[in-house]
Amino acid sequence: MKKVLRIALGILLMILGVLALLTPFTPGSWLALIGLELLGLRLVFQRKLLSLLPQRYRQKVGDWLESRMKKRREK
């Protein structure tokens, strides 16, 4: 149930964020970024970023991203 609620909330926030981007009266485009975070698309973007990096930097950047994720989970 939690996963379904999280997905629904993520999609709703993304839609609201895109609508906020299109209207000049609401500065709420940050809602789309929160929706992406809830859906876990940040991980997809991180993997894509790592694939674009040269081979010698992938391990270092991957380790750095993983350590940042661990620190966030601990809080």
PDB file of N, CA and C in Angstrom:
ATOM      1  N   MET A   1       0.819  -1.195   0.000  1.00  0.00           N
ATOM      2  CA  MET A   1       0.000   0.000   0.000  1.00  0.00           C
ATOM      3  C   MET A   1       0.864   1.261   0.000  1.00  0.00           C
ATOM      4  N   LYS A   2       1.957   1.237   0.779  1.00  0.00           N
ATOM      5  CA  LYS A   2       2.837   2.400   0.837  1.00  0.00           C
ATOM      6  C   LYS A   2       3.458   2.702  -0.523  1.00  0.00           C
ATOM      7  N   LYS A   3       3.832   1.647  -1.239  1.00  0.00           N
ATOM      8  CA  LYS A   3       4.465   1.845  -2.540  1.00  0.00           C
ATOM      9  C   LYS A   3       3.489   2.462  -3.533  1.00  0.00           C
ATOM     10  N   VAL A   4       2.251   2.006  -3.513  1.00  0.00           N
ATOM     11  CA  VAL A   4       1.232   2.546  -4.415  1.00  0.00           C
ATOM     12  C   VAL A   4       0.965   4.012  -4.077  1.00  0.00           C
ATOM     13  N   LEU A   5       0.887   4.330  -2.796  1.00  0.00           N
ATOM     14  CA  LEU A   5       0.666   5.710  -2.369  1.00  0.00           C
ATOM     15  C   LEU A   5       1.837   6.598  -2.773  1.00  0.00           C
ATOM     16  N   ARG A   6       3.047   6.088  -2.626  1.00  0.00           N
ATOM     17  CA  ARG A   6       4.234   6.855  -2.996  1.00  0.00           C
ATOM     18  C   ARG A   6       4.273   7.127  -4.509  1.00  0.00           C
ATOM     19  N   ILE A   7       3.935   6.139  -5.303  1.00  0.00           N
ATOM     20  CA  ILE A   7       3.904   6.315  -6.761  1.00  0.00           C
ATOM     21  C   ILE A   7       2.823   7.313  -7.158  1.00  0.00           C
ATOM     22  N   ALA A   8       1.644   7.180  -6.560  1.00  0.00           N
ATOM     23  CA  ALA A   8       0.548   8.099  -6.885  1.00  0.00           C
ATOM     24  C   ALA A   8       0.906   9.526  -6.491  1.00  0.00           C
ATOM     25  N   LEU A   9       1.502   9.708  -5.330  1.00  0.00           N
ATOM     26  CA  LEU A   9       1.906  11.038  -4.879  1.00  0.00           C
ATOM     27  C   LEU A   9       2.998  11.610  -5.774  1.00  0.00           C
ATOM     28  N   GLY A  10       3.932  10.771  -6.200  1.00  0.00           N
ATOM     29  CA  GLY A  10       4.995  11.213  -7.094  1.00  0.00           C
ATOM     30  C   GLY A  10       4.459  11.682  -8.428  1.00  0.00           C
ATOM     31  N   ILE A  11       3.523  10.938  -8.996  1.00  0.00           N
ATOM     32  CA  ILE A  11       2.919  11.322 -10.279  1.00  0.00           C
ATOM     33  C   ILE A  11       2.115  12.603 -10.123  1.00  0.00           C
ATOM     34  N   LEU A  12       1.360  12.714  -9.045  1.00  0.00           N
ATOM     35  CA  LEU A  12       0.576  13.920  -8.796  1.00  0.00           C
ATOM     36  C   LEU A  12       1.472  15.151  -8.669  1.00  0.00           C
ATOM     37  N   LEU A  13       2.561  15.031  -7.936  1.00  0.00           N
ATOM     38  CA  LEU A  13       3.476  16.156  -7.771  1.00  0.00           C
ATOM     39  C   LEU A  13       4.157  16.533  -9.084  1.00  0.00           C
ATOM     40  N   MET A  14       4.468  15.532  -9.903  1.00  0.00           N
ATOM     41  CA  MET A  14       5.060  15.833 -11.205  1.00  0.00           C
ATOM     42  C   MET A  14       4.079  16.601 -12.086  1.00  0.00           C
ATOM     43  N   ILE A  15       2.833  16.187 -12.099  1.00  0.00           N
ATOM     44  CA  ILE A  15       1.818  16.873 -12.897  1.00  0.00           C
ATOM     45  C   ILE A  15       1.626  18.304 -12.399  1.00  0.00           C
ATOM     46  N   LEU A  16       1.527  18.468 -11.084  1.00  0.00           N
ATOM     47  CA  LEU A  16       1.377  19.810 -10.524  1.00  0.00           C
ATOM     48  C   LEU A  16       2.595  20.678 -10.827  1.00  0.00           C
ATOM     49  N   GLY A  17       3.777  20.099 -10.783  1.00  0.00           N
ATOM     50  CA  GLY A  17       4.988  20.847 -11.089  1.00  0.00           C
ATOM     51  C   GLY A  17       5.037  21.315 -12.528  1.00  0.00           C
ATOM     52  N   VAL A  18       4.635  20.451 -13.452  1.00  0.00           N
ATOM     53  CA  VAL A  18       4.604  20.828 -14.873  1.00  0.00           C
ATOM     54  C   VAL A  18       3.555  21.917 -15.101  1.00  0.00           C
ATOM     55  N   LEU A  19       2.396  21.781 -14.476  1.00  0.00           N
ATOM     56  CA  LEU A  19       1.369  22.818 -14.598  1.00  0.00           C
ATOM     57  C   LEU A  19       1.851  24.136 -14.002  1.00  0.00           C
ATOM     58  N   ALA A  20       2.580  24.077 -12.912  1.00  0.00           N
ATOM     59  CA  ALA A  20       3.115  25.290 -12.299  1.00  0.00           C
ATOM     60  C   ALA A  20       4.145  25.945 -13.206  1.00  0.00           C
ATOM     61  N   LEU A  21       4.872  25.139 -13.952  1.00  0.00           N
ATOM     62  CA  LEU A  21       5.830  25.696 -14.904  1.00  0.00           C
ATOM     63  C   LEU A  21       5.127  26.457 -16.023  1.00  0.00           C
ATOM     64  N   LEU A  22       3.968  25.981 -16.418  1.00  0.00           N
ATOM     65  CA  LEU A  22       3.243  26.585 -17.533  1.00  0.00           C
ATOM     66  C   LEU A  22       2.478  27.845 -17.147  1.00  0.00           C
ATOM     67  N   THR A  23       2.159  27.998 -15.872  1.00  0.00           N
ATOM     68  CA  THR A  23       1.422  29.173 -15.438  1.00  0.00           C
ATOM     69  C   THR A  23       2.377  30.175 -14.796  1.00  0.00           C
ATOM     70  N   PRO A  24       2.240  31.435 -15.131  1.00  0.00           N
ATOM     71  CA  PRO A  24       3.179  32.433 -14.605  1.00  0.00           C
ATOM     72  C   PRO A  24       2.907  32.837 -13.155  1.00  0.00           C
ATOM     73  N   PHE A  25       1.775  32.438 -12.606  1.00  0.00           N
ATOM     74  CA  PHE A  25       1.400  32.900 -11.274  1.00  0.00           C
ATOM     75  C   PHE A  25       1.860  31.982 -10.151  1.00  0.00           C
ATOM     76  N   THR A  26       2.312  30.805 -10.480  1.00  0.00           N
ATOM     77  CA  THR A  26       2.710  29.857  -9.440  1.00  0.00           C
ATOM     78  C   THR A  26       4.168  29.456  -9.604  1.00  0.00           C
ATOM     79  N   PRO A  27       4.992  29.791  -8.654  1.00  0.00           N
ATOM     80  CA  PRO A  27       6.402  29.383  -8.725  1.00  0.00           C
ATOM     81  C   PRO A  27       6.611  28.013  -8.099  1.00  0.00           C
ATOM     82  N   GLY A  28       5.857  27.028  -8.516  1.00  0.00           N
ATOM     83  CA  GLY A  28       5.912  25.719  -7.882  1.00  0.00           C
ATOM     84  C   GLY A  28       6.495  24.636  -8.745  1.00  0.00           C
ATOM     85  N   SER A  29       7.374  25.001  -9.675  1.00  0.00           N
ATOM     86  CA  SER A  29       7.948  23.971 -10.545  1.00  0.00           C
ATOM     87  C   SER A  29       8.825  22.995  -9.766  1.00  0.00           C
ATOM     88  N   TRP A  30       9.219  23.343  -8.561  1.00  0.00           N
ATOM     89  CA  TRP A  30      10.008  22.446  -7.723  1.00  0.00           C
ATOM     90  C   TRP A  30       9.204  21.194  -7.353  1.00  0.00           C
ATOM     91  N   LEU A  31       7.888  21.268  -7.477  1.00  0.00           N
ATOM     92  CA  LEU A  31       7.056  20.093  -7.183  1.00  0.00           C
ATOM     93  C   LEU A  31       7.386  18.937  -8.126  1.00  0.00           C
ATOM     94  N   ALA A  32       7.725  19.240  -9.368  1.00  0.00           N
ATOM     95  CA  ALA A  32       8.080  18.190 -10.328  1.00  0.00           C
ATOM     96  C   ALA A  32       9.347  17.480  -9.876  1.00  0.00           C
ATOM     97  N   LEU A  33      10.299  18.222  -9.329  1.00  0.00           N
ATOM     98  CA  LEU A  33      11.536  17.591  -8.851  1.00  0.00           C
ATOM     99  C   LEU A  33      11.277  16.696  -7.649  1.00  0.00           C
ATOM    100  N   ILE A  34      10.392  17.111  -6.777  1.00  0.00           N
ATOM    101  CA  ILE A  34      10.039  16.270  -5.628  1.00  0.00           C
ATOM    102  C   ILE A  34       9.324  15.010  -6.114  1.00  0.00           C
ATOM    103  N   GLY A  35       8.460  15.159  -7.114  1.00  0.00           N
ATOM    104  CA  GLY A  35       7.776  13.993  -7.684  1.00  0.00           C
ATOM    105  C   GLY A  35       8.753  13.008  -8.285  1.00  0.00           C
ATOM    106  N   LEU A  36       9.776  13.518  -8.980  1.00  0.00           N
ATOM    107  CA  LEU A  36      10.806  12.633  -9.533  1.00  0.00           C
ATOM    108  C   LEU A  36      11.558  11.906  -8.423  1.00  0.00           C
ATOM    109  N   GLU A  37      11.822  12.610  -7.352  1.00  0.00           N
ATOM    110  CA  GLU A  37      12.515  11.991  -6.220  1.00  0.00           C
ATOM    111  C   GLU A  37      11.680  10.862  -5.620  1.00  0.00           C
ATOM    112  N   LEU A  38      10.392  11.095  -5.464  1.00  0.00           N
ATOM    113  CA  LEU A  38       9.517  10.064  -4.899  1.00  0.00           C
ATOM    114  C   LEU A  38       9.421   8.845  -5.803  1.00  0.00           C
ATOM    115  N   LEU A  39       9.468   9.074  -7.097  1.00  0.00           N
ATOM    116  CA  LEU A  39       9.369   7.947  -8.026  1.00  0.00           C
ATOM    117  C   LEU A  39      10.689   7.199  -8.177  1.00  0.00           C
ATOM    118  N   GLY A  40      11.763   7.764  -7.656  1.00  0.00           N
ATOM    119  CA  GLY A  40      13.050   7.093  -7.730  1.00  0.00           C
ATOM    120  C   GLY A  40      13.768   7.293  -9.047  1.00  0.00           C
ATOM    121  N   LEU A  41      13.359   8.271  -9.806  1.00  0.00           N
ATOM    122  CA  LEU A  41      14.001   8.502 -11.094  1.00  0.00           C
ATOM    123  C   LEU A  41      15.385   9.128 -10.940  1.00  0.00           C
ATOM    124  N   ARG A  42      15.684   9.599  -9.755  1.00  0.00           N
ATOM    125  CA  ARG A  42      17.014  10.143  -9.509  1.00  0.00           C
ATOM    126  C   ARG A  42      18.063   9.057  -9.725  1.00  0.00           C
ATOM    127  N   LEU A  43      17.743   7.845  -9.337  1.00  0.00           N
ATOM    128  CA  LEU A  43      18.688   6.746  -9.510  1.00  0.00           C
ATOM    129  C   LEU A  43      18.948   6.455 -10.977  1.00  0.00           C
ATOM    130  N   VAL A  44      17.922   6.589 -11.798  1.00  0.00           N
ATOM    131  CA  VAL A  44      18.075   6.380 -13.236  1.00  0.00           C
ATOM    132  C   VAL A  44      19.007   7.441 -13.816  1.00  0.00           C
ATOM    133  N   PHE A  45      18.808   8.687 -13.387  1.00  0.00           N
ATOM    134  CA  PHE A  45      19.652   9.769 -13.874  1.00  0.00           C
ATOM    135  C   PHE A  45      21.097   9.590 -13.411  1.00  0.00           C
ATOM    136  N   GLN A  46      21.284   9.086 -12.204  1.00  0.00           N
ATOM    137  CA  GLN A  46      22.643   8.841 -11.713  1.00  0.00           C
ATOM    138  C   GLN A  46      23.328   7.769 -12.545  1.00  0.00           C
ATOM    139  N   ARG A  47      22.621   6.719 -12.875  1.00  0.00           N
ATOM    140  CA  ARG A  47      23.214   5.654 -13.695  1.00  0.00           C
ATOM    141  C   ARG A  47      23.562   6.166 -15.086  1.00  0.00           C
ATOM    142  N   LYS A  48      22.691   7.003 -15.629  1.00  0.00           N
ATOM    143  CA  LYS A  48      22.954   7.569 -16.950  1.00  0.00           C
ATOM    144  C   LYS A  48      24.181   8.475 -16.906  1.00  0.00           C
ATOM    145  N   LEU A  49      24.303   9.267 -15.852  1.00  0.00           N
ATOM    146  CA  LEU A  49      25.462  10.134 -15.682  1.00  0.00           C
ATOM    147  C   LEU A  49      26.740   9.311 -15.605  1.00  0.00           C
ATOM    148  N   LEU A  50      26.699   8.233 -14.855  1.00  0.00           N
ATOM    149  CA  LEU A  50      27.879   7.374 -14.729  1.00  0.00           C
ATOM    150  C   LEU A  50      28.251   6.746 -16.069  1.00  0.00           C
ATOM    151  N   SER A  51      27.274   6.407 -16.866  1.00  0.00           N
ATOM    152  CA  SER A  51      27.585   5.787 -18.156  1.00  0.00           C
ATOM    153  C   SER A  51      28.206   6.790 -19.130  1.00  0.00           C
ATOM    154  N   LEU A  52      27.959   8.072 -18.932  1.00  0.00           N
ATOM    155  CA  LEU A  52      28.531   9.093 -19.801  1.00  0.00           C
ATOM    156  C   LEU A  52      29.967   9.467 -19.417  1.00  0.00           C
ATOM    157  N   LEU A  53      30.342   9.154 -18.190  1.00  0.00           N
ATOM    158  CA  LEU A  53      31.686   9.490 -17.725  1.00  0.00           C
ATOM    159  C   LEU A  53      32.723   8.535 -18.309  1.00  0.00           C
ATOM    160  N   PRO A  54      33.954   9.016 -18.442  1.00  0.00           N
ATOM    161  CA  PRO A  54      35.027   8.099 -18.863  1.00  0.00           C
ATOM    162  C   PRO A  54      35.211   6.982 -17.825  1.00  0.00           C
ATOM    163  N   GLN A  55      35.687   5.846 -18.258  1.00  0.00           N
ATOM    164  CA  GLN A  55      35.802   4.662 -17.414  1.00  0.00           C
ATOM    165  C   GLN A  55      36.607   4.924 -16.138  1.00  0.00           C
ATOM    166  N   ARG A  56      37.649   5.711 -16.218  1.00  0.00           N
ATOM    167  CA  ARG A  56      38.517   5.901 -15.049  1.00  0.00           C
ATOM    168  C   ARG A  56      37.852   6.710 -13.937  1.00  0.00           C
ATOM    169  N   TYR A  57      36.791   7.459 -14.238  1.00  0.00           N
ATOM    170  CA  TYR A  57      36.109   8.254 -13.215  1.00  0.00           C
ATOM    171  C   TYR A  57      34.845   7.593 -12.673  1.00  0.00           C
ATOM    172  N   ARG A  58      34.368   6.578 -13.340  1.00  0.00           N
ATOM    173  CA  ARG A  58      33.090   5.971 -12.946  1.00  0.00           C
ATOM    174  C   ARG A  58      33.109   5.429 -11.524  1.00  0.00           C
ATOM    175  N   GLN A  59      34.148   4.725 -11.162  1.00  0.00           N
ATOM    176  CA  GLN A  59      34.207   4.128  -9.830  1.00  0.00           C
ATOM    177  C   GLN A  59      34.258   5.200  -8.743  1.00  0.00           C
ATOM    178  N   LYS A  60      35.060   6.230  -8.951  1.00  0.00           N
ATOM    179  CA  LYS A  60      35.188   7.285  -7.944  1.00  0.00           C
ATOM    180  C   LYS A  60      33.878   8.044  -7.762  1.00  0.00           C
ATOM    181  N   VAL A  61      33.253   8.412  -8.858  1.00  0.00           N
ATOM    182  CA  VAL A  61      31.994   9.146  -8.776  1.00  0.00           C
ATOM    183  C   VAL A  61      30.895   8.241  -8.223  1.00  0.00           C
ATOM    184  N   GLY A  62      30.874   6.995  -8.618  1.00  0.00           N
ATOM    185  CA  GLY A  62      29.893   6.049  -8.090  1.00  0.00           C
ATOM    186  C   GLY A  62      30.032   5.858  -6.596  1.00  0.00           C
ATOM    187  N   ASP A  63      31.257   5.751  -6.123  1.00  0.00           N
ATOM    188  CA  ASP A  63      31.493   5.625  -4.678  1.00  0.00           C
ATOM    189  C   ASP A  63      31.048   6.884  -3.945  1.00  0.00           C
ATOM    190  N   TRP A  64      31.334   8.051  -4.542  1.00  0.00           N
ATOM    191  CA  TRP A  64      30.945   9.313  -3.918  1.00  0.00           C
ATOM    192  C   TRP A  64      29.421   9.426  -3.818  1.00  0.00           C
ATOM    193  N   LEU A  65      28.720   9.065  -4.893  1.00  0.00           N
ATOM    194  CA  LEU A  65      27.260   9.114  -4.871  1.00  0.00           C
ATOM    195  C   LEU A  65      26.690   8.130  -3.852  1.00  0.00           C
ATOM    196  N   GLU A  66      27.293   6.966  -3.764  1.00  0.00           N
ATOM    197  CA  GLU A  66      26.826   5.961  -2.805  1.00  0.00           C
ATOM    198  C   GLU A  66      27.026   6.435  -1.369  1.00  0.00           C
ATOM    199  N   SER A  67      28.157   7.090  -1.096  1.00  0.00           N
ATOM    200  CA  SER A  67      28.394   7.588   0.267  1.00  0.00           C
ATOM    201  C   SER A  67      27.400   8.690   0.620  1.00  0.00           C
ATOM    202  N   ARG A  68      27.033   9.520  -0.352  1.00  0.00           N
ATOM    203  CA  ARG A  68      26.032  10.567  -0.107  1.00  0.00           C
ATOM    204  C   ARG A  68      24.667   9.947   0.176  1.00  0.00           C
ATOM    205  N   MET A  69      24.341   8.869  -0.526  1.00  0.00           N
ATOM    206  CA  MET A  69      23.071   8.195  -0.301  1.00  0.00           C
ATOM    207  C   MET A  69      23.025   7.584   1.106  1.00  0.00           C
ATOM    208  N   LYS A  70      24.157   7.003   1.540  1.00  0.00           N
ATOM    209  CA  LYS A  70      24.209   6.413   2.886  1.00  0.00           C
ATOM    210  C   LYS A  70      24.001   7.474   3.957  1.00  0.00           C
ATOM    211  N   LYS A  71      24.632   8.637   3.781  1.00  0.00           N
ATOM    212  CA  LYS A  71      24.487   9.712   4.763  1.00  0.00           C
ATOM    213  C   LYS A  71      23.045  10.183   4.833  1.00  0.00           C
ATOM    214  N   ARG A  72      22.362  10.234   3.703  1.00  0.00           N
ATOM    215  CA  ARG A  72      20.959  10.653   3.700  1.00  0.00           C
ATOM    216  C   ARG A  72      20.081   9.632   4.415  1.00  0.00           C
ATOM    217  N   ARG A  73      20.378   8.361   4.217  1.00  0.00           N
ATOM    218  CA  ARG A  73      19.572   7.317   4.858  1.00  0.00           C
ATOM    219  C   ARG A  73      19.756   7.329   6.369  1.00  0.00           C
ATOM    220  N   GLU A  74      20.961   7.667   6.829  1.00  0.00           N
ATOM    221  CA  GLU A  74      21.242   7.669   8.266  1.00  0.00           C
ATOM    222  C   GLU A  74      20.526   8.783   9.002  1.00  0.00           C
ATOM    223  N   LYS A  75      20.223   9.865   8.308  1.00  0.00           N
ATOM    224  CA  LYS A  75      19.568  11.014   8.957  1.00  0.00           C
ATOM    225  C   LYS A  75      18.155  10.747   9.238  1.00  0.00           C
TER     226      LYS A  75
END
